[in-house]
Amino acid sequence: MLPKGISIRPYYDRSDIVQASVATVTKALAEGALLVLIVLYLLLRSFRASLVVLLALPLSLLSTFIVMKIVGLSANLMSLGGLAISIGMIIDATIIQVENVQRRLSEDEQEVKTLVPY
């Protein structure tokens, strides 16, 4: 409640910076997803493995924002910057796990072929 004749005007509006940051994170997510899909398909020759890693990107973002909402954290520049860094770490761990599963499945197939020759 302000006295008559007094108004509050924003001196520094950061909404443009936050919108630009969200747009940058969204663009980086889309470009990263496409790059991960192409590289993993070329290296692992498995569309299914590429899709698993690709699904880790939006699911990790969704779970992060859900937890932030529950805890009461806002999506400010610091949290968006940390999220951008952590996306790389999440994808790295996902790629390692998918590659390990792919390798173990191929080892099992080779073991079955040696036990039961056709």
N, C-alpha and C. Protein backbone atom coordinates (compact mmCIF):
# COMPACT_ATOMS: atom_id res chain seq x y z
N MET A 1 0.84 -1.18 0.00
CA MET A 1 0.00 0.00 0.00
C MET A 1 0.89 1.24 0.00
N LEU A 2 0.90 1.90 -1.10
CA LEU A 2 1.70 3.11 -1.24
C LEU A 2 0.81 4.34 -1.10
N PRO A 3 1.38 5.42 -0.62
CA PRO A 3 0.59 6.67 -0.55
C PRO A 3 0.23 7.15 -1.95
N LYS A 4 -0.77 8.01 -2.03
CA LYS A 4 -1.21 8.55 -3.33
C LYS A 4 -0.07 9.31 -4.00
N GLY A 5 0.04 9.14 -5.29
CA GLY A 5 1.05 9.84 -6.06
C GLY A 5 2.38 9.12 -6.15
N ILE A 6 2.54 8.01 -5.45
CA ILE A 6 3.79 7.26 -5.48
C ILE A 6 3.54 5.95 -6.22
N SER A 7 4.40 5.65 -7.15
CA SER A 7 4.27 4.40 -7.90
C SER A 7 5.64 3.72 -7.95
N ILE A 8 5.60 2.44 -8.23
CA ILE A 8 6.83 1.66 -8.34
C ILE A 8 7.04 1.34 -9.81
N ARG A 9 8.23 1.70 -10.30
CA ARG A 9 8.60 1.37 -11.66
C ARG A 9 9.82 0.47 -11.61
N PRO A 10 9.84 -0.58 -12.40
CA PRO A 10 11.03 -1.44 -12.38
C PRO A 10 12.24 -0.70 -12.93
N TYR A 11 13.33 -0.83 -12.23
CA TYR A 11 14.57 -0.19 -12.66
C TYR A 11 15.34 -1.10 -13.60
N TYR A 12 15.34 -2.36 -13.28
CA TYR A 12 16.09 -3.33 -14.07
C TYR A 12 15.21 -4.56 -14.25
N ASP A 13 14.79 -4.80 -15.48
CA ASP A 13 13.89 -5.92 -15.78
C ASP A 13 14.71 -7.06 -16.36
N ARG A 14 14.75 -8.18 -15.65
CA ARG A 14 15.54 -9.33 -16.11
C ARG A 14 14.71 -10.37 -16.85
N SER A 15 13.47 -10.08 -17.12
CA SER A 15 12.63 -11.07 -17.79
C SER A 15 13.14 -11.39 -19.19
N ASP A 16 13.71 -10.42 -19.87
CA ASP A 16 14.27 -10.67 -21.21
C ASP A 16 15.45 -11.64 -21.13
N ILE A 17 16.29 -11.47 -20.10
CA ILE A 17 17.45 -12.35 -19.93
C ILE A 17 17.01 -13.77 -19.63
N VAL A 18 15.99 -13.90 -18.76
CA VAL A 18 15.49 -15.24 -18.41
C VAL A 18 14.86 -15.90 -19.63
N GLN A 19 14.08 -15.15 -20.40
CA GLN A 19 13.48 -15.72 -21.61
C GLN A 19 14.55 -16.13 -22.62
N ALA A 20 15.59 -15.33 -22.76
CA ALA A 20 16.68 -15.69 -23.66
C ALA A 20 17.41 -16.93 -23.17
N SER A 21 17.58 -17.04 -21.85
CA SER A 21 18.24 -18.22 -21.29
C SER A 21 17.41 -19.48 -21.52
N VAL A 22 16.11 -19.38 -21.32
CA VAL A 22 15.23 -20.53 -21.57
C VAL A 22 15.26 -20.91 -23.04
N ALA A 23 15.27 -19.93 -23.91
CA ALA A 23 15.34 -20.21 -25.35
C ALA A 23 16.67 -20.87 -25.70
N THR A 24 17.76 -20.43 -25.08
CA THR A 24 19.07 -21.02 -25.34
C THR A 24 19.12 -22.46 -24.86
N VAL A 25 18.57 -22.72 -23.66
CA VAL A 25 18.55 -24.08 -23.13
C VAL A 25 17.70 -24.98 -24.03
N THR A 26 16.57 -24.47 -24.49
CA THR A 26 15.70 -25.25 -25.37
C THR A 26 16.39 -25.56 -26.69
N LYS A 27 17.07 -24.56 -27.25
CA LYS A 27 17.79 -24.77 -28.51
C LYS A 27 18.93 -25.77 -28.32
N ALA A 28 19.68 -25.62 -27.22
CA ALA A 28 20.79 -26.54 -26.94
C ALA A 28 20.28 -27.96 -26.73
N LEU A 29 19.11 -28.10 -26.09
CA LEU A 29 18.52 -29.41 -25.88
C LEU A 29 18.16 -30.06 -27.21
N ALA A 30 17.55 -29.31 -28.10
CA ALA A 30 17.17 -29.85 -29.40
C ALA A 30 18.39 -30.23 -30.24
N GLU A 31 19.39 -29.34 -30.27
CA GLU A 31 20.60 -29.64 -31.03
C GLU A 31 21.36 -30.81 -30.43
N GLY A 32 21.44 -30.85 -29.12
CA GLY A 32 22.12 -31.95 -28.45
C GLY A 32 21.43 -33.28 -28.68
N ALA A 33 20.10 -33.26 -28.66
CA ALA A 33 19.35 -34.49 -28.89
C ALA A 33 19.59 -35.02 -30.30
N LEU A 34 19.59 -34.13 -31.27
CA LEU A 34 19.83 -34.57 -32.65
C LEU A 34 21.25 -35.09 -32.82
N LEU A 35 22.21 -34.41 -32.23
CA LEU A 35 23.60 -34.84 -32.33
C LEU A 35 23.82 -36.18 -31.63
N VAL A 36 23.23 -36.35 -30.46
CA VAL A 36 23.35 -37.62 -29.73
C VAL A 36 22.73 -38.75 -30.54
N LEU A 37 21.58 -38.51 -31.13
CA LEU A 37 20.91 -39.54 -31.92
C LEU A 37 21.77 -39.97 -33.10
N ILE A 38 22.33 -39.01 -33.80
CA ILE A 38 23.14 -39.34 -34.98
C ILE A 38 24.43 -40.07 -34.59
N VAL A 39 25.15 -39.53 -33.62
CA VAL A 39 26.44 -40.12 -33.24
C VAL A 39 26.25 -41.51 -32.65
N LEU A 40 25.26 -41.67 -31.78
CA LEU A 40 25.05 -43.00 -31.19
C LEU A 40 24.61 -44.02 -32.22
N TYR A 41 23.79 -43.60 -33.17
CA TYR A 41 23.38 -44.55 -34.20
C TYR A 41 24.58 -44.96 -35.05
N LEU A 42 25.45 -44.00 -35.35
CA LEU A 42 26.64 -44.33 -36.15
C LEU A 42 27.60 -45.24 -35.39
N LEU A 43 27.76 -45.02 -34.09
CA LEU A 43 28.73 -45.81 -33.32
C LEU A 43 28.17 -47.15 -32.85
N LEU A 44 26.94 -47.17 -32.39
CA LEU A 44 26.37 -48.41 -31.85
C LEU A 44 25.54 -49.20 -32.85
N ARG A 45 25.17 -48.56 -33.94
CA ARG A 45 24.32 -49.19 -34.96
C ARG A 45 23.02 -49.73 -34.37
N SER A 46 22.49 -48.98 -33.40
CA SER A 46 21.25 -49.39 -32.77
C SER A 46 20.36 -48.17 -32.58
N PHE A 47 19.25 -48.17 -33.28
CA PHE A 47 18.31 -47.07 -33.13
C PHE A 47 17.67 -47.10 -31.74
N ARG A 48 17.45 -48.28 -31.21
CA ARG A 48 16.83 -48.43 -29.89
C ARG A 48 17.72 -47.85 -28.80
N ALA A 49 19.01 -48.09 -28.87
CA ALA A 49 19.95 -47.54 -27.88
C ALA A 49 20.00 -46.01 -27.99
N SER A 50 19.98 -45.51 -29.21
CA SER A 50 19.97 -44.06 -29.40
C SER A 50 18.71 -43.44 -28.84
N LEU A 51 17.60 -44.13 -29.01
CA LEU A 51 16.33 -43.62 -28.50
C LEU A 51 16.29 -43.58 -26.98
N VAL A 52 16.91 -44.56 -26.33
CA VAL A 52 16.95 -44.58 -24.87
C VAL A 52 17.71 -43.36 -24.35
N VAL A 53 18.84 -43.07 -24.96
CA VAL A 53 19.62 -41.90 -24.54
C VAL A 53 18.86 -40.62 -24.85
N LEU A 54 18.20 -40.60 -25.99
CA LEU A 54 17.43 -39.42 -26.37
C LEU A 54 16.29 -39.15 -25.40
N LEU A 55 15.67 -40.19 -24.89
CA LEU A 55 14.58 -40.01 -23.93
C LEU A 55 15.08 -39.55 -22.56
N ALA A 56 16.34 -39.77 -22.28
CA ALA A 56 16.90 -39.33 -20.99
C ALA A 56 16.93 -37.81 -20.89
N LEU A 57 17.09 -37.12 -22.01
CA LEU A 57 17.14 -35.66 -21.98
C LEU A 57 15.85 -35.03 -21.46
N PRO A 58 14.72 -35.22 -22.11
CA PRO A 58 13.50 -34.55 -21.61
C PRO A 58 13.02 -35.11 -20.27
N LEU A 59 13.25 -36.39 -20.02
CA LEU A 59 12.81 -36.95 -18.74
C LEU A 59 13.61 -36.38 -17.58
N SER A 60 14.91 -36.16 -17.79
CA SER A 60 15.71 -35.56 -16.72
C SER A 60 15.30 -34.11 -16.49
N LEU A 61 15.01 -33.38 -17.55
CA LEU A 61 14.54 -32.00 -17.39
C LEU A 61 13.19 -31.96 -16.69
N LEU A 62 12.30 -32.84 -17.08
CA LEU A 62 10.97 -32.88 -16.46
C LEU A 62 11.06 -33.19 -14.98
N SER A 63 11.85 -34.19 -14.64
CA SER A 63 11.98 -34.55 -13.22
C SER A 63 12.66 -33.43 -12.43
N THR A 64 13.60 -32.73 -13.04
CA THR A 64 14.26 -31.62 -12.37
C THR A 64 13.27 -30.50 -12.06
N PHE A 65 12.46 -30.14 -13.04
CA PHE A 65 11.49 -29.06 -12.81
C PHE A 65 10.40 -29.47 -11.83
N ILE A 66 10.03 -30.74 -11.82
CA ILE A 66 9.04 -31.21 -10.85
C ILE A 66 9.59 -31.09 -9.43
N VAL A 67 10.84 -31.52 -9.24
CA VAL A 67 11.45 -31.42 -7.91
C VAL A 67 11.64 -29.96 -7.51
N MET A 68 12.04 -29.11 -8.46
CA MET A 68 12.18 -27.69 -8.16
C MET A 68 10.86 -27.08 -7.73
N LYS A 69 9.77 -27.48 -8.36
CA LYS A 69 8.45 -26.97 -7.99
C LYS A 69 8.05 -27.45 -6.61
N ILE A 70 8.31 -28.72 -6.30
CA ILE A 70 7.94 -29.27 -5.00
C ILE A 70 8.73 -28.59 -3.89
N VAL A 71 10.03 -28.38 -4.12
CA VAL A 71 10.90 -27.79 -3.11
C VAL A 71 10.67 -26.28 -3.00
N GLY A 72 10.18 -25.67 -4.07
CA GLY A 72 9.92 -24.24 -4.05
C GLY A 72 11.04 -23.40 -4.64
N LEU A 73 11.91 -24.00 -5.44
CA LEU A 73 12.98 -23.26 -6.09
C LEU A 73 12.47 -22.62 -7.38
N SER A 74 12.97 -21.43 -7.65
CA SER A 74 12.57 -20.76 -8.89
C SER A 74 13.57 -21.08 -10.00
N ALA A 75 13.12 -20.92 -11.22
CA ALA A 75 13.99 -21.18 -12.37
C ALA A 75 14.70 -19.88 -12.73
N ASN A 76 15.71 -19.51 -11.95
CA ASN A 76 16.45 -18.29 -12.21
C ASN A 76 17.67 -18.61 -13.08
N LEU A 77 18.49 -17.61 -13.30
CA LEU A 77 19.65 -17.80 -14.17
C LEU A 77 20.64 -18.81 -13.62
N MET A 78 20.83 -18.82 -12.31
CA MET A 78 21.77 -19.77 -11.71
C MET A 78 21.28 -21.21 -11.87
N SER A 79 20.00 -21.44 -11.60
CA SER A 79 19.50 -22.81 -11.70
C SER A 79 19.45 -23.27 -13.16
N LEU A 80 19.14 -22.37 -14.09
CA LEU A 80 19.16 -22.75 -15.50
C LEU A 80 20.57 -23.03 -15.99
N GLY A 81 21.54 -22.25 -15.50
CA GLY A 81 22.94 -22.51 -15.87
C GLY A 81 23.42 -23.84 -15.32
N GLY A 82 23.06 -24.13 -14.08
CA GLY A 82 23.42 -25.43 -13.49
C GLY A 82 22.75 -26.58 -14.22
N LEU A 83 21.51 -26.36 -14.65
CA LEU A 83 20.80 -27.38 -15.40
C LEU A 83 21.46 -27.64 -16.75
N ALA A 84 21.92 -26.59 -17.39
CA ALA A 84 22.60 -26.76 -18.68
C ALA A 84 23.89 -27.57 -18.51
N ILE A 85 24.60 -27.35 -17.43
CA ILE A 85 25.83 -28.11 -17.18
C ILE A 85 25.50 -29.56 -16.84
N SER A 86 24.48 -29.75 -16.02
CA SER A 86 24.15 -31.11 -15.58
C SER A 86 23.58 -31.97 -16.70
N ILE A 87 23.00 -31.35 -17.72
CA ILE A 87 22.48 -32.13 -18.85
C ILE A 87 23.61 -32.92 -19.50
N GLY A 88 24.76 -32.28 -19.66
CA GLY A 88 25.90 -32.98 -20.24
C GLY A 88 26.34 -34.15 -19.40
N MET A 89 26.33 -33.98 -18.09
CA MET A 89 26.72 -35.07 -17.20
C MET A 89 25.71 -36.21 -17.24
N ILE A 90 24.44 -35.87 -17.31
CA ILE A 90 23.39 -36.89 -17.36
C ILE A 90 23.49 -37.70 -18.65
N ILE A 91 23.68 -37.02 -19.76
CA ILE A 91 23.77 -37.71 -21.04
C ILE A 91 25.03 -38.57 -21.09
N ASP A 92 26.13 -38.07 -20.53
CA ASP A 92 27.36 -38.84 -20.50
C ASP A 92 27.14 -40.15 -19.74
N ALA A 93 26.52 -40.07 -18.59
CA ALA A 93 26.26 -41.29 -17.80
C ALA A 93 25.29 -42.22 -18.53
N THR A 94 24.31 -41.67 -19.19
CA THR A 94 23.35 -42.49 -19.93
C THR A 94 24.02 -43.21 -21.09
N ILE A 95 24.89 -42.51 -21.80
CA ILE A 95 25.61 -43.12 -22.93
C ILE A 95 26.48 -44.27 -22.44
N ILE A 96 27.16 -44.07 -21.33
CA ILE A 96 28.02 -45.13 -20.79
C ILE A 96 27.19 -46.36 -20.42
N GLN A 97 26.05 -46.15 -19.80
CA GLN A 97 25.20 -47.28 -19.41
C GLN A 97 24.65 -48.02 -20.63
N VAL A 98 24.19 -47.27 -21.62
CA VAL A 98 23.63 -47.90 -22.82
C VAL A 98 24.71 -48.67 -23.57
N GLU A 99 25.90 -48.09 -23.66
CA GLU A 99 27.00 -48.79 -24.33
C GLU A 99 27.36 -50.07 -23.60
N ASN A 100 27.35 -50.04 -22.27
CA ASN A 100 27.66 -51.22 -21.49
C ASN A 100 26.59 -52.31 -21.69
N VAL A 101 25.34 -51.93 -21.71
CA VAL A 101 24.27 -52.90 -21.96
C VAL A 101 24.40 -53.49 -23.36
N GLN A 102 24.69 -52.63 -24.33
CA GLN A 102 24.86 -53.09 -25.71
C GLN A 102 26.01 -54.10 -25.81
N ARG A 103 27.12 -53.80 -25.14
CA ARG A 103 28.27 -54.70 -25.17
C ARG A 103 27.94 -56.03 -24.51
N ARG A 104 27.28 -55.99 -23.37
CA ARG A 104 26.93 -57.24 -22.68
C ARG A 104 25.94 -58.09 -23.47
N LEU A 105 25.01 -57.44 -24.14
CA LEU A 105 24.07 -58.19 -24.98
C LEU A 105 24.79 -58.85 -26.14
N SER A 106 25.76 -58.16 -26.73
CA SER A 106 26.49 -58.77 -27.84
C SER A 106 27.38 -59.91 -27.35
N GLU A 107 27.93 -59.80 -26.14
CA GLU A 107 28.72 -60.90 -25.58
C GLU A 107 27.85 -62.12 -25.32
N ASP A 108 26.63 -61.90 -24.83
CA ASP A 108 25.71 -63.01 -24.58
C ASP A 108 25.34 -63.70 -25.89
N GLU A 109 25.12 -62.92 -26.95
CA GLU A 109 24.79 -63.51 -28.24
C GLU A 109 25.95 -64.35 -28.77
N GLN A 110 27.17 -63.87 -28.62
CA GLN A 110 28.34 -64.62 -29.08
C GLN A 110 28.52 -65.89 -28.27
N GLU A 111 28.24 -65.83 -26.97
CA GLU A 111 28.37 -67.01 -26.12
C GLU A 111 27.35 -68.06 -26.51
N VAL A 112 26.13 -67.64 -26.82
CA VAL A 112 25.09 -68.59 -27.23
C VAL A 112 25.48 -69.22 -28.56
N LYS A 113 26.05 -68.45 -29.48
CA LYS A 113 26.43 -68.97 -30.80
C LYS A 113 27.56 -70.00 -30.66
N THR A 114 28.46 -69.80 -29.71
CA THR A 114 29.55 -70.76 -29.55
C THR A 114 29.07 -72.03 -28.88
N LEU A 115 28.04 -71.93 -28.03
CA LEU A 115 27.53 -73.13 -27.36
C LEU A 115 26.66 -73.96 -28.28
N VAL A 116 25.88 -73.29 -29.13
CA VAL A 116 25.00 -74.01 -30.03
C VAL A 116 25.32 -73.59 -31.46
N PRO A 117 26.25 -74.29 -32.12
CA PRO A 117 26.59 -73.93 -33.50
C PRO A 117 25.43 -74.28 -34.42
N TYR A 118 25.24 -73.46 -35.43
CA TYR A 118 24.15 -73.71 -36.39
C TYR A 118 24.64 -74.46 -37.58
